[in-house]
């Protein structure tokens, strides 16, 4: 799908994104412990990934995001695998998503998840940024993954959970070689005004506005309470917006657990507010499963712009 085609799709009506894949897997009894998270299930029990995608499609998701977030050559090698095995998992993540869409007989789009460099550190640094690596390291890391993912022909790229302007700039350089494929870039924020690394969201949006393949910008895996502030900041440069927050809990990387109160069904009032602020795609992240997506789809269908 070209950037122009995806832009037209977003401009016609707001769309529904899926929810937290790991959440859906866990709620169905899958074991996602260990450094590969959902990619462990992708490797060992792909039928569970297929079923999770199917639940989101049934719930009303217009876009499903692949199980490639945690897959990288670096990460797979760290657990005793090989670069070739990592590439096979990236490709398989898209094939399984396609199979799920085919089984449903719907026109659901497949977005290839492109997670941040920090996710491979297994230390929560996707919620901090400032990795302490060179720009070349970030560029090389993302380039090798994108080339493999794009060879498997996803409909678009979901570049997500990015905490740092430096990583955004590395991604923009990589995307310059893939101008004909639609992408969105979604950031993490703690306060709604800055990235987790402390740079102004408006500054990040301005940089992304120079990337022709980036059709929308937004936030994900951030608390619902900060989304409206973030959308206001990101929208200052006329960007199409999207939001798929988590259920409002705090992630603890040392124990791989969440804490605090959760809202697995995002409040209708907030969803309407995000749509009123210009969000063209809304969904959920960690803590929001297919039940939450079903409720969200109903809210989107019931929303009317003035």
C-alpha atoms as a PDB file:
ATOM      1  CA  UNK A   1       0.000   0.000   0.000  1.00  0.00           C
ATOM      2  CA  UNK A   2       1.422   3.350  -0.986  1.00  0.00           C
ATOM      3  CA  UNK A   3       1.505   6.305   1.392  1.00  0.00           C
ATOM      4  CA  UNK A   4      -1.101   8.028  -0.758  1.00  0.00           C
ATOM      5  CA  UNK A   5      -3.451   5.042  -0.591  1.00  0.00           C
ATOM      6  CA  UNK A   6      -3.164   4.704   3.179  1.00  0.00           C
ATOM      7  CA  UNK A   7      -3.591   8.446   3.596  1.00  0.00           C
ATOM      8  CA  UNK A   8      -6.811   8.328   1.604  1.00  0.00           C
ATOM      9  CA  UNK A   9      -8.019   5.428   3.727  1.00  0.00           C
ATOM     10  CA  UNK A  10      -7.408   7.379   6.927  1.00  0.00           C
ATOM     11  CA  UNK A  11      -8.989  10.522   5.533  1.00  0.00           C
ATOM     12  CA  UNK A  12     -12.211   8.744   4.614  1.00  0.00           C
ATOM     13  CA  UNK A  13     -13.091   7.455   8.090  1.00  0.00           C
ATOM     14  CA  UNK A  14     -11.261   6.730  11.358  1.00  0.00           C
ATOM     15  CA  UNK A  15     -10.032   3.144  11.531  1.00  0.00           C
ATOM     16  CA  UNK A  16      -9.694   0.648  14.368  1.00  0.00           C
ATOM     17  CA  UNK A  17      -6.314  -0.848  15.222  1.00  0.00           C
ATOM     18  CA  UNK A  18      -5.939  -4.086  17.145  1.00  0.00           C
ATOM     19  CA  UNK A  19      -4.888  -4.424  20.799  1.00  0.00           C
ATOM     20  CA  UNK A  20      -2.008  -5.882  22.752  1.00  0.00           C
ATOM     21  CA  UNK A  21      -0.919  -9.087  21.038  1.00  0.00           C
ATOM     22  CA  UNK A  22       0.984 -10.287  24.104  1.00  0.00           C
ATOM     23  CA  UNK A  23      -2.061  -9.561  26.259  1.00  0.00           C
ATOM     24  CA  UNK A  24      -4.308 -11.592  23.999  1.00  0.00           C
ATOM     25  CA  UNK A  25      -1.810 -14.460  24.006  1.00  0.00           C
ATOM     26  CA  UNK A  26      -1.430 -14.414  27.786  1.00  0.00           C
ATOM     27  CA  UNK A  27      -5.170 -14.270  28.344  1.00  0.00           C
ATOM     28  CA  UNK A  28      -5.493 -17.359  26.161  1.00  0.00           C
ATOM     29  CA  UNK A  29      -2.895 -19.211  28.261  1.00  0.00           C
ATOM     30  CA  UNK A  30       0.264 -18.721  26.196  1.00  0.00           C
ATOM     31  CA  UNK A  31       3.656 -18.434  27.894  1.00  0.00           C
ATOM     32  CA  UNK A  32       5.440 -15.262  26.765  1.00  0.00           C
ATOM     33  CA  UNK A  33       8.140 -15.249  29.434  1.00  0.00           C
ATOM     34  CA  UNK A  34      11.730 -14.706  28.381  1.00  0.00           C
ATOM     35  CA  UNK A  35      13.454 -12.142  26.240  1.00  0.00           C
ATOM     36  CA  UNK A  36      11.586 -12.928  23.015  1.00  0.00           C
ATOM     37  CA  UNK A  37       8.116 -12.266  24.493  1.00  0.00           C
ATOM     38  CA  UNK A  38       5.472 -12.870  21.805  1.00  0.00           C
ATOM     39  CA  UNK A  39       8.183 -13.912  19.351  1.00  0.00           C
ATOM     40  CA  UNK A  40       8.686 -17.018  21.486  1.00  0.00           C
ATOM     41  CA  UNK A  41       5.103 -18.006  20.681  1.00  0.00           C
ATOM     42  CA  UNK A  42       5.662 -17.097  17.035  1.00  0.00           C
ATOM     43  CA  UNK A  43       8.607 -19.497  16.974  1.00  0.00           C
ATOM     44  CA  UNK A  44       7.141 -22.347  19.019  1.00  0.00           C
ATOM     45  CA  UNK A  45       3.343 -22.152  18.644  1.00  0.00           C
ATOM     46  CA  UNK A  46       2.444 -20.082  15.582  1.00  0.00           C
ATOM     47  CA  UNK A  47      -1.136 -21.314  15.675  1.00  0.00           C
ATOM     48  CA  UNK A  48      -1.609 -19.270  18.857  1.00  0.00           C
ATOM     49  CA  UNK A  49      -0.497 -16.124  17.031  1.00  0.00           C
ATOM     50  CA  UNK A  50      -2.929 -16.922  14.233  1.00  0.00           C
ATOM     51  CA  UNK A  51      -5.753 -17.340  16.730  1.00  0.00           C
ATOM     52  CA  UNK A  52      -4.911 -14.049  18.476  1.00  0.00           C
ATOM     53  CA  UNK A  53      -5.004 -12.169  15.187  1.00  0.00           C
ATOM     54  CA  UNK A  54      -8.327 -13.818  14.467  1.00  0.00           C
ATOM     55  CA  UNK A  55      -9.785 -12.612  17.750  1.00  0.00           C
ATOM     56  CA  UNK A  56      -8.845  -9.028  16.943  1.00  0.00           C
ATOM     57  CA  UNK A  57     -10.274  -9.279  13.429  1.00  0.00           C
ATOM     58  CA  UNK A  58     -13.532 -10.658  14.806  1.00  0.00           C
ATOM     59  CA  UNK A  59     -13.575  -7.811  17.342  1.00  0.00           C
ATOM     60  CA  UNK A  60     -13.580  -5.268  14.522  1.00  0.00           C
ATOM     61  CA  UNK A  61      -9.935  -4.341  13.934  1.00  0.00           C
ATOM     62  CA  UNK A  62      -9.324  -2.795  10.513  1.00  0.00           C
ATOM     63  CA  UNK A  63      -5.560  -3.329  10.970  1.00  0.00           C
ATOM     64  CA  UNK A  64      -3.706  -6.149  12.687  1.00  0.00           C
ATOM     65  CA  UNK A  65      -0.094  -5.706  13.738  1.00  0.00           C
ATOM     66  CA  UNK A  66       2.311  -8.597  13.256  1.00  0.00           C
ATOM     67  CA  UNK A  67       4.231 -10.504  15.935  1.00  0.00           C
ATOM     68  CA  UNK A  68       7.558  -9.084  14.740  1.00  0.00           C
ATOM     69  CA  UNK A  69       7.980  -6.386  17.410  1.00  0.00           C
ATOM     70  CA  UNK A  70      10.556  -8.349  19.413  1.00  0.00           C
ATOM     71  CA  UNK A  71      12.214 -10.122  16.485  1.00  0.00           C
ATOM     72  CA  UNK A  72      15.684  -9.018  15.439  1.00  0.00           C
ATOM     73  CA  UNK A  73      18.903 -10.745  14.486  1.00  0.00           C
ATOM     74  CA  UNK A  74      20.515  -9.339  17.612  1.00  0.00           C
ATOM     75  CA  UNK A  75      17.752 -10.603  19.885  1.00  0.00           C
ATOM     76  CA  UNK A  76      17.509 -14.079  18.358  1.00  0.00           C
ATOM     77  CA  UNK A  77      21.276 -14.556  18.409  1.00  0.00           C
ATOM     78  CA  UNK A  78      21.259 -13.591  22.094  1.00  0.00           C
ATOM     79  CA  UNK A  79      19.067 -16.631  22.846  1.00  0.00           C
ATOM     80  CA  UNK A  80      21.174 -19.048  20.821  1.00  0.00           C
ATOM     81  CA  UNK A  81      19.568 -18.664  17.413  1.00  0.00           C
ATOM     82  CA  UNK A  82      20.942 -17.342  14.158  1.00  0.00           C
ATOM     83  CA  UNK A  83      20.450 -14.338  11.906  1.00  0.00           C
ATOM     84  CA  UNK A  84      18.768 -16.608   9.353  1.00  0.00           C
ATOM     85  CA  UNK A  85      16.301 -17.834  11.974  1.00  0.00           C
ATOM     86  CA  UNK A  86      15.486 -14.243  12.914  1.00  0.00           C
ATOM     87  CA  UNK A  87      14.762 -13.398   9.287  1.00  0.00           C
ATOM     88  CA  UNK A  88      12.545 -16.475   8.980  1.00  0.00           C
ATOM     89  CA  UNK A  89      10.532 -15.334  12.009  1.00  0.00           C
ATOM     90  CA  UNK A  90      10.094 -11.847  10.559  1.00  0.00           C
ATOM     91  CA  UNK A  91       8.754 -13.298   7.331  1.00  0.00           C
ATOM     92  CA  UNK A  92       6.591 -15.837   9.130  1.00  0.00           C
ATOM     93  CA  UNK A  93       4.995 -13.116  11.255  1.00  0.00           C
ATOM     94  CA  UNK A  94       3.581 -11.526   8.109  1.00  0.00           C
ATOM     95  CA  UNK A  95       2.560 -14.841   6.567  1.00  0.00           C
ATOM     96  CA  UNK A  96       0.595 -15.782   9.703  1.00  0.00           C
ATOM     97  CA  UNK A  97      -1.150 -12.415   9.781  1.00  0.00           C
ATOM     98  CA  UNK A  98      -2.095 -12.880   6.131  1.00  0.00           C
ATOM     99  CA  UNK A  99      -3.434 -16.340   6.898  1.00  0.00           C
ATOM    100  CA  UNK A 100      -5.597 -14.904   9.671  1.00  0.00           C
ATOM    101  CA  UNK A 101      -7.011 -12.255   7.363  1.00  0.00           C
ATOM    102  CA  UNK A 102      -7.663 -14.847   4.680  1.00  0.00           C
ATOM    103  CA  UNK A 103      -9.494 -17.098   7.104  1.00  0.00           C
ATOM    104  CA  UNK A 104     -11.725 -14.207   8.148  1.00  0.00           C
ATOM    105  CA  UNK A 105     -12.498 -13.256   4.554  1.00  0.00           C
ATOM    106  CA  UNK A 106     -12.201  -9.548   5.303  1.00  0.00           C
ATOM    107  CA  UNK A 107     -10.133  -6.686   3.949  1.00  0.00           C
ATOM    108  CA  UNK A 108      -8.165  -6.228   7.176  1.00  0.00           C
ATOM    109  CA  UNK A 109      -4.773  -4.623   6.640  1.00  0.00           C
ATOM    110  CA  UNK A 110      -1.534  -6.198   7.845  1.00  0.00           C
ATOM    111  CA  UNK A 111       0.933  -3.815   9.465  1.00  0.00           C
ATOM    112  CA  UNK A 112       4.436  -5.133  10.071  1.00  0.00           C
ATOM    113  CA  UNK A 113       5.493  -4.239  13.601  1.00  0.00           C
ATOM    114  CA  UNK A 114       8.852  -2.500  13.765  1.00  0.00           C
ATOM    115  CA  UNK A 115       9.808  -2.274  17.415  1.00  0.00           C
ATOM    116  CA  UNK A 116      12.545  -0.059  18.876  1.00  0.00           C
ATOM    117  CA  UNK A 117      16.177  -0.918  19.431  1.00  0.00           C
ATOM    118  CA  UNK A 118      15.505  -0.712  23.159  1.00  0.00           C
ATOM    119  CA  UNK A 119      13.189  -3.720  23.066  1.00  0.00           C
ATOM    120  CA  UNK A 120      16.159  -5.966  22.334  1.00  0.00           C
ATOM    121  CA  UNK A 121      17.936  -4.762  25.484  1.00  0.00           C
ATOM    122  CA  UNK A 122      15.311  -6.434  27.694  1.00  0.00           C
ATOM    123  CA  UNK A 123      15.676  -3.665  30.251  1.00  0.00           C
ATOM    124  CA  UNK A 124      12.710  -1.405  29.577  1.00  0.00           C
ATOM    125  CA  UNK A 125      14.799   1.094  27.616  1.00  0.00           C
ATOM    126  CA  UNK A 126      12.025   1.472  25.033  1.00  0.00           C
ATOM    127  CA  UNK A 127      10.459   3.592  27.793  1.00  0.00           C
ATOM    128  CA  UNK A 128      13.640   5.616  28.323  1.00  0.00           C
ATOM    129  CA  UNK A 129      15.595   6.016  25.093  1.00  0.00           C
ATOM    130  CA  UNK A 130      19.131   7.389  25.209  1.00  0.00           C
ATOM    131  CA  UNK A 131      20.569   3.961  24.402  1.00  0.00           C
ATOM    132  CA  UNK A 132      24.211   5.010  24.369  1.00  0.00           C
ATOM    133  CA  UNK A 133      24.851   3.606  20.887  1.00  0.00           C
ATOM    134  CA  UNK A 134      25.907   5.352  17.687  1.00  0.00           C
ATOM    135  CA  UNK A 135      23.486   6.600  15.074  1.00  0.00           C
ATOM    136  CA  UNK A 136      25.034   4.129  12.633  1.00  0.00           C
ATOM    137  CA  UNK A 137      24.147   1.284  15.004  1.00  0.00           C
ATOM    138  CA  UNK A 138      20.517   2.404  15.042  1.00  0.00           C
ATOM    139  CA  UNK A 139      20.412   2.822  11.271  1.00  0.00           C
ATOM    140  CA  UNK A 140      21.947  -0.603  10.620  1.00  0.00           C
ATOM    141  CA  UNK A 141      19.653  -2.266  13.168  1.00  0.00           C
ATOM    142  CA  UNK A 142      16.497  -0.932  11.553  1.00  0.00           C
ATOM    143  CA  UNK A 143      17.668  -1.245   7.954  1.00  0.00           C
ATOM    144  CA  UNK A 144      18.297  -4.974   8.152  1.00  0.00           C
ATOM    145  CA  UNK A 145      14.887  -5.644   9.712  1.00  0.00           C
ATOM    146  CA  UNK A 146      12.958  -3.402   7.339  1.00  0.00           C
ATOM    147  CA  UNK A 147      14.499  -5.000   4.276  1.00  0.00           C
ATOM    148  CA  UNK A 148      13.416  -8.463   5.441  1.00  0.00           C
ATOM    149  CA  UNK A 149       9.937  -7.351   6.489  1.00  0.00           C
ATOM    150  CA  UNK A 150       9.258  -5.446   3.279  1.00  0.00           C
ATOM    151  CA  UNK A 151      10.339  -8.421   1.186  1.00  0.00           C
ATOM    152  CA  UNK A 152       7.362 -10.267   2.714  1.00  0.00           C
ATOM    153  CA  UNK A 153       4.969  -7.569   1.435  1.00  0.00           C
ATOM    154  CA  UNK A 154       3.023  -6.265   4.427  1.00  0.00           C
ATOM    155  CA  UNK A 155       0.405  -3.635   3.639  1.00  0.00           C
ATOM    156  CA  UNK A 156       2.241  -1.047   5.722  1.00  0.00           C
ATOM    157  CA  UNK A 157       4.758  -0.565   8.516  1.00  0.00           C
ATOM    158  CA  UNK A 158       3.802   0.013  12.159  1.00  0.00           C
ATOM    159  CA  UNK A 159       6.928   1.631  13.581  1.00  0.00           C
ATOM    160  CA  UNK A 160       6.022   1.677  17.233  1.00  0.00           C
ATOM    161  CA  UNK A 161       7.023   2.306  20.840  1.00  0.00           C
ATOM    162  CA  UNK A 162       9.829   4.656  19.807  1.00  0.00           C
ATOM    163  CA  UNK A 163      11.118   6.653  22.807  1.00  0.00           C
ATOM    164  CA  UNK A 164      13.784   8.893  21.318  1.00  0.00           C
ATOM    165  CA  UNK A 165      14.236  11.509  18.597  1.00  0.00           C
ATOM    166  CA  UNK A 166      17.645  10.013  17.752  1.00  0.00           C
ATOM    167  CA  UNK A 167      15.959   6.730  16.854  1.00  0.00           C
ATOM    168  CA  UNK A 168      13.297   8.579  14.865  1.00  0.00           C
ATOM    169  CA  UNK A 169      16.028  10.296  12.833  1.00  0.00           C
ATOM    170  CA  UNK A 170      17.698   6.925  12.185  1.00  0.00           C
ATOM    171  CA  UNK A 171      14.369   5.518  11.004  1.00  0.00           C
ATOM    172  CA  UNK A 172      13.772   8.489   8.715  1.00  0.00           C
ATOM    173  CA  UNK A 173      17.115   7.783   7.037  1.00  0.00           C
ATOM    174  CA  UNK A 174      16.182   4.125   6.529  1.00  0.00           C
ATOM    175  CA  UNK A 175      12.691   4.976   5.270  1.00  0.00           C
ATOM    176  CA  UNK A 176      14.207   7.247   2.618  1.00  0.00           C
ATOM    177  CA  UNK A 177      15.001   4.044   0.707  1.00  0.00           C
ATOM    178  CA  UNK A 178      11.371   2.863   0.916  1.00  0.00           C
ATOM    179  CA  UNK A 179       9.281   5.860  -0.103  1.00  0.00           C
ATOM    180  CA  UNK A 180       6.624   3.747  -1.823  1.00  0.00           C
ATOM    181  CA  UNK A 181       5.471   1.892   1.330  1.00  0.00           C
ATOM    182  CA  UNK A 182       3.121   3.491   3.850  1.00  0.00           C
ATOM    183  CA  UNK A 183       4.291   3.731   7.452  1.00  0.00           C
ATOM    184  CA  UNK A 184       3.188   5.179  10.723  1.00  0.00           C
ATOM    185  CA  UNK A 185       5.491   6.137  13.583  1.00  0.00           C
ATOM    186  CA  UNK A 186       4.232   5.856  17.142  1.00  0.00           C
ATOM    187  CA  UNK A 187       6.115   7.192  20.148  1.00  0.00           C
ATOM    188  CA  UNK A 188       6.195   6.539  23.875  1.00  0.00           C
ATOM    189  CA  UNK A 189       5.624   9.397  26.290  1.00  0.00           C
ATOM    190  CA  UNK A 190       5.227   9.757  30.023  1.00  0.00           C
ATOM    191  CA  UNK A 191       3.815  13.272  30.143  1.00  0.00           C
ATOM    192  CA  UNK A 192       2.181  13.796  26.749  1.00  0.00           C
ATOM    193  CA  UNK A 193       4.531  16.672  25.909  1.00  0.00           C
ATOM    194  CA  UNK A 194       7.875  14.948  25.380  1.00  0.00           C
ATOM    195  CA  UNK A 195       9.252  11.608  24.307  1.00  0.00           C
ATOM    196  CA  UNK A 196      10.407   9.290  27.062  1.00  0.00           C
ATOM    197  CA  UNK A 197      13.909  10.572  26.295  1.00  0.00           C
ATOM    198  CA  UNK A 198      12.787  14.141  26.927  1.00  0.00           C
ATOM    199  CA  UNK A 199      12.521  15.695  23.461  1.00  0.00           C
ATOM    200  CA  UNK A 200       9.441  17.757  22.553  1.00  0.00           C
ATOM    201  CA  UNK A 201       6.838  15.734  20.667  1.00  0.00           C
ATOM    202  CA  UNK A 202       6.211  18.703  18.404  1.00  0.00           C
ATOM    203  CA  UNK A 203       9.884  18.593  17.376  1.00  0.00           C
ATOM    204  CA  UNK A 204       9.584  14.893  16.540  1.00  0.00           C
ATOM    205  CA  UNK A 205       6.425  15.527  14.500  1.00  0.00           C
ATOM    206  CA  UNK A 206       8.217  18.252  12.550  1.00  0.00           C
ATOM    207  CA  UNK A 207      11.039  15.859  11.692  1.00  0.00           C
ATOM    208  CA  UNK A 208       8.624  13.144  10.611  1.00  0.00           C
ATOM    209  CA  UNK A 209       6.796  15.614   8.414  1.00  0.00           C
ATOM    210  CA  UNK A 210       9.827  15.515   6.133  1.00  0.00           C
ATOM    211  CA  UNK A 211       9.519  11.746   5.630  1.00  0.00           C
ATOM    212  CA  UNK A 212       7.209  11.091   2.646  1.00  0.00           C
ATOM    213  CA  UNK A 213       6.429   7.505   3.588  1.00  0.00           C
ATOM    214  CA  UNK A 214       5.209   8.422   7.100  1.00  0.00           C
ATOM    215  CA  UNK A 215       1.451   8.838   6.800  1.00  0.00           C
ATOM    216  CA  UNK A 216       0.565   9.246  10.488  1.00  0.00           C
ATOM    217  CA  UNK A 217       2.252   9.892  13.817  1.00  0.00           C
ATOM    218  CA  UNK A 218       1.023   9.128  17.293  1.00  0.00           C
ATOM    219  CA  UNK A 219       1.607   7.457  20.613  1.00  0.00           C
ATOM    220  CA  UNK A 220       1.296   3.891  21.818  1.00  0.00           C
ATOM    221  CA  UNK A 221       2.023   1.900  24.979  1.00  0.00           C
ATOM    222  CA  UNK A 222       1.589   5.101  26.968  1.00  0.00           C
ATOM    223  CA  UNK A 223      -1.052   5.854  29.590  1.00  0.00           C
ATOM    224  CA  UNK A 224      -4.494   6.803  28.248  1.00  0.00           C
ATOM    225  CA  UNK A 225      -4.427   9.870  30.487  1.00  0.00           C
ATOM    226  CA  UNK A 226      -1.608  11.537  28.485  1.00  0.00           C
ATOM    227  CA  UNK A 227      -2.849  10.768  24.977  1.00  0.00           C
ATOM    228  CA  UNK A 228      -4.911  13.924  24.435  1.00  0.00           C
ATOM    229  CA  UNK A 229      -1.991  16.153  25.419  1.00  0.00           C
ATOM    230  CA  UNK A 230       0.289  14.176  23.102  1.00  0.00           C
ATOM    231  CA  UNK A 231      -2.091  14.434  20.151  1.00  0.00           C
ATOM    232  CA  UNK A 232      -2.318  18.194  20.607  1.00  0.00           C
ATOM    233  CA  UNK A 233       1.475  18.443  20.523  1.00  0.00           C
ATOM    234  CA  UNK A 234       1.903  16.119  17.553  1.00  0.00           C
ATOM    235  CA  UNK A 235      -0.892  17.767  15.586  1.00  0.00           C
ATOM    236  CA  UNK A 236       0.732  21.193  15.535  1.00  0.00           C
ATOM    237  CA  UNK A 237       2.425  20.364  12.242  1.00  0.00           C
ATOM    238  CA  UNK A 238      -0.699  19.099  10.519  1.00  0.00           C
ATOM    239  CA  UNK A 239       0.145  15.421  10.880  1.00  0.00           C
ATOM    240  CA  UNK A 240      -2.458  12.695  10.654  1.00  0.00           C
ATOM    241  CA  UNK A 241      -2.694  11.277  14.157  1.00  0.00           C
ATOM    242  CA  UNK A 242      -3.168   7.887  15.784  1.00  0.00           C
ATOM    243  CA  UNK A 243      -3.279   6.512  19.307  1.00  0.00           C
ATOM    244  CA  UNK A 244      -3.173   3.045  20.810  1.00  0.00           C
ATOM    245  CA  UNK A 245      -2.351   3.387  24.493  1.00  0.00           C
ATOM    246  CA  UNK A 246      -1.883   0.651  27.042  1.00  0.00           C
ATOM    247  CA  UNK A 247      -4.361   0.002  29.829  1.00  0.00           C
ATOM    248  CA  UNK A 248      -2.659   2.559  32.074  1.00  0.00           C
ATOM    249  CA  UNK A 249      -0.298   0.384  34.060  1.00  0.00           C
ATOM    250  CA  UNK A 250       3.455   0.749  34.644  1.00  0.00           C
ATOM    251  CA  UNK A 251       5.923  -1.790  33.213  1.00  0.00           C
ATOM    252  CA  UNK A 252       8.710  -3.174  35.430  1.00  0.00           C
ATOM    253  CA  UNK A 253      11.402  -4.682  33.217  1.00  0.00           C
ATOM    254  CA  UNK A 254      13.279  -6.344  36.072  1.00  0.00           C
ATOM    255  CA  UNK A 255      10.296  -8.541  36.951  1.00  0.00           C
ATOM    256  CA  UNK A 256       8.537  -8.420  33.558  1.00  0.00           C
ATOM    257  CA  UNK A 257       5.314  -7.376  35.274  1.00  0.00           C
ATOM    258  CA  UNK A 258       2.829  -4.515  35.185  1.00  0.00           C
ATOM    259  CA  UNK A 259       1.565  -2.679  38.248  1.00  0.00           C
ATOM    260  CA  UNK A 260      -1.199  -0.219  39.041  1.00  0.00           C
ATOM    261  CA  UNK A 261      -4.863  -0.021  38.056  1.00  0.00           C
ATOM    262  CA  UNK A 262      -5.775  -1.089  34.547  1.00  0.00           C
ATOM    263  CA  UNK A 263      -8.494  -0.035  32.123  1.00  0.00           C
ATOM    264  CA  UNK A 264      -8.686  -2.948  29.664  1.00  0.00           C
ATOM    265  CA  UNK A 265     -11.688  -1.254  28.066  1.00  0.00           C
ATOM    266  CA  UNK A 266     -10.615   2.275  27.180  1.00  0.00           C
ATOM    267  CA  UNK A 267     -13.156   4.929  28.248  1.00  0.00           C
ATOM    268  CA  UNK A 268     -15.553   6.064  25.525  1.00  0.00           C
ATOM    269  CA  UNK A 269     -15.094   9.663  26.630  1.00  0.00           C
ATOM    270  CA  UNK A 270     -11.356   9.489  25.927  1.00  0.00           C
ATOM    271  CA  UNK A 271     -11.792   7.778  22.577  1.00  0.00           C
ATOM    272  CA  UNK A 272     -14.240  10.481  21.484  1.00  0.00           C
ATOM    273  CA  UNK A 273     -11.796  13.120  22.684  1.00  0.00           C
ATOM    274  CA  UNK A 274      -8.951  11.605  20.641  1.00  0.00           C
ATOM    275  CA  UNK A 275     -11.137  11.439  17.557  1.00  0.00           C
ATOM    276  CA  UNK A 276     -12.220  15.038  18.093  1.00  0.00           C
ATOM    277  CA  UNK A 277      -8.540  16.013  18.275  1.00  0.00           C
ATOM    278  CA  UNK A 278      -7.946  14.464  14.862  1.00  0.00           C
ATOM    279  CA  UNK A 279      -6.952  10.856  15.527  1.00  0.00           C
ATOM    280  CA  UNK A 280      -7.574   8.854  12.361  1.00  0.00           C
ATOM    281  CA  UNK A 281      -6.678   5.475  13.875  1.00  0.00           C
ATOM    282  CA  UNK A 282      -7.252   4.259  17.421  1.00  0.00           C
ATOM    283  CA  UNK A 283      -6.575   0.963  19.149  1.00  0.00           C
ATOM    284  CA  UNK A 284      -5.000  -0.524  22.237  1.00  0.00           C
ATOM    285  CA  UNK A 285      -1.651  -1.818  23.378  1.00  0.00           C
ATOM    286  CA  UNK A 286      -0.552  -3.812  26.441  1.00  0.00           C
ATOM    287  CA  UNK A 287      -3.489  -4.715  28.665  1.00  0.00           C
ATOM    288  CA  UNK A 288      -6.130  -4.201  25.964  1.00  0.00           C
ATOM    289  CA  UNK A 289      -7.301  -7.463  24.407  1.00  0.00           C
ATOM    290  CA  UNK A 290     -10.030  -8.307  21.886  1.00  0.00           C
ATOM    291  CA  UNK A 291     -12.815  -7.412  24.331  1.00  0.00           C
ATOM    292  CA  UNK A 292     -11.376  -3.921  24.623  1.00  0.00           C
ATOM    293  CA  UNK A 293     -10.988  -3.657  20.842  1.00  0.00           C
ATOM    294  CA  UNK A 294     -14.602  -4.707  20.340  1.00  0.00           C
ATOM    295  CA  UNK A 295     -15.781  -1.944  22.661  1.00  0.00           C
ATOM    296  CA  UNK A 296     -13.468   0.535  20.965  1.00  0.00           C
ATOM    297  CA  UNK A 297     -14.784  -0.436  17.521  1.00  0.00           C
ATOM    298  CA  UNK A 298     -18.278   0.335  18.739  1.00  0.00           C
ATOM    299  CA  UNK A 299     -17.148   3.736  19.978  1.00  0.00           C
ATOM    300  CA  UNK A 300     -15.488   4.559  16.663  1.00  0.00           C
ATOM    301  CA  UNK A 301     -18.597   3.511  14.755  1.00  0.00           C
ATOM    302  CA  UNK A 302     -20.720   5.711  17.010  1.00  0.00           C
ATOM    303  CA  UNK A 303     -18.527   8.793  16.778  1.00  0.00           C
ATOM    304  CA  UNK A 304     -19.569  11.598  14.485  1.00  0.00           C
ATOM    305  CA  UNK A 305     -17.387  14.556  13.630  1.00  0.00           C
ATOM    306  CA  UNK A 306     -19.092  17.950  13.917  1.00  0.00           C
END
